[in-house]
Amino acid sequence: MLRVLKDDGAILWYDYHLSNPRNPDVRGVKKKEIYALFPGCSINLQRITLAPPLARLLAPYSWTLCYFLERLPWLCSHYLGVIRKR
């Protein structure tokens, strides 16, 4: 990705932070791994997306509750990030 990225370009990263114990095909990518993939880059990561099992359970009753729970990083299952060359 870095090879084809323009100097003023950015990589948008959205991936699992947590592995799914029930599905071995879903493996979380840790922050340390992302930094190792893009050495020397500016990386801004945020944990987002309320864990889908929790969202599926709560959303039929309260979208508002899901909205506020998604603000708690430890309940979020994905990273959203922007990666830029320095």
Protein backbone atom coordinates (compact mmCIF):
# COMPACT_ATOMS: atom_id res chain seq x y z
CA MET A 1 0.00 0.00 0.00
CA LEU A 2 2.77 2.43 0.87
CA ARG A 3 4.45 1.83 -2.48
CA VAL A 4 1.43 3.13 -4.42
CA LEU A 5 0.33 5.78 -1.91
CA LYS A 6 0.86 9.36 -3.06
CA ASP A 7 2.81 11.62 -0.72
CA ASP A 8 -0.35 13.50 0.27
CA GLY A 9 -2.52 10.37 0.24
CA ALA A 10 -3.92 8.36 3.14
CA ILE A 11 -4.83 4.78 3.90
CA LEU A 12 -8.18 4.26 5.59
CA TRP A 13 -7.98 1.28 7.95
CA TYR A 14 -11.06 -0.53 9.29
CA ASP A 15 -10.49 -3.94 10.81
CA TYR A 16 -11.25 -6.14 13.80
CA HIS A 17 -9.50 -5.34 17.05
CA LEU A 18 -10.86 -8.43 18.79
CA SER A 19 -10.74 -12.03 17.66
CA ASN A 20 -13.98 -14.00 17.58
CA PRO A 21 -13.64 -17.10 19.77
CA ARG A 22 -16.55 -18.75 17.92
CA ASN A 23 -15.14 -18.11 14.45
CA PRO A 24 -11.46 -18.94 13.87
CA ASP A 25 -11.56 -17.03 10.56
CA VAL A 26 -12.03 -13.75 12.44
CA ARG A 27 -8.71 -12.70 13.95
CA GLY A 28 -8.21 -9.32 15.50
CA VAL A 29 -5.32 -7.13 14.37
CA LYS A 30 -3.58 -5.48 17.31
CA LYS A 31 -2.32 -1.91 17.28
CA LYS A 32 1.27 -3.17 17.52
CA GLU A 33 0.80 -5.18 14.31
CA ILE A 34 -0.57 -2.17 12.43
CA TYR A 35 2.39 -0.03 13.49
CA ALA A 36 4.75 -2.80 12.34
CA LEU A 37 3.06 -2.93 8.92
CA PHE A 38 3.51 0.81 8.37
CA PRO A 39 6.88 1.83 9.87
CA GLY A 40 7.66 5.53 9.81
CA CYS A 41 4.05 6.51 9.14
CA SER A 42 1.69 8.73 11.06
CA ILE A 43 -1.07 6.44 12.36
CA ASN A 44 -4.26 7.61 14.06
CA LEU A 45 -6.44 4.73 15.31
CA GLN A 46 -9.73 4.82 17.19
CA ARG A 47 -11.73 1.90 18.49
CA ILE A 48 -15.27 2.02 17.13
CA THR A 49 -18.24 -0.26 16.37
CA LEU A 50 -20.09 -1.65 19.34
CA ALA A 51 -19.36 -5.39 19.51
CA PRO A 52 -21.85 -6.93 17.05
CA PRO A 53 -23.28 -9.58 19.45
CA LEU A 54 -24.03 -6.84 21.96
CA ALA A 55 -25.42 -4.52 19.30
CA ARG A 56 -27.70 -7.26 17.92
CA LEU A 57 -29.00 -7.93 21.42
CA LEU A 58 -29.65 -4.30 22.40
CA ALA A 59 -30.51 -2.49 19.14
CA PRO A 60 -34.11 -3.79 18.89
CA TYR A 61 -34.80 -2.17 22.27
CA SER A 62 -32.74 1.00 22.25
CA TRP A 63 -30.62 2.59 19.54
CA THR A 64 -29.78 5.32 22.03
CA LEU A 65 -28.28 2.82 24.47
CA CYS A 66 -26.17 1.36 21.65
CA TYR A 67 -25.01 4.84 20.71
CA PHE A 68 -23.79 5.57 24.24
CA LEU A 69 -22.24 2.13 24.77
CA GLU A 70 -20.25 2.57 21.56
CA ARG A 71 -18.49 5.48 23.28
CA LEU A 72 -16.84 2.98 25.67
CA PRO A 73 -13.67 1.76 23.89
CA TRP A 74 -13.56 -1.55 25.74
CA LEU A 75 -16.93 -2.50 24.20
CA CYS A 76 -15.78 -1.72 20.66
CA SER A 77 -14.58 -4.47 18.36
CA HIS A 78 -12.99 -2.60 15.42
CA TYR A 79 -10.31 -0.04 14.66
CA LEU A 80 -10.90 2.89 12.33
CA GLY A 81 -7.70 4.59 11.38
CA VAL A 82 -5.95 6.94 9.01
CA ILE A 83 -2.39 6.14 7.98
CA ARG A 84 -0.22 8.73 6.24
CA LYS A 85 3.37 8.93 5.11
CA ARG A 86 5.51 11.35 7.12
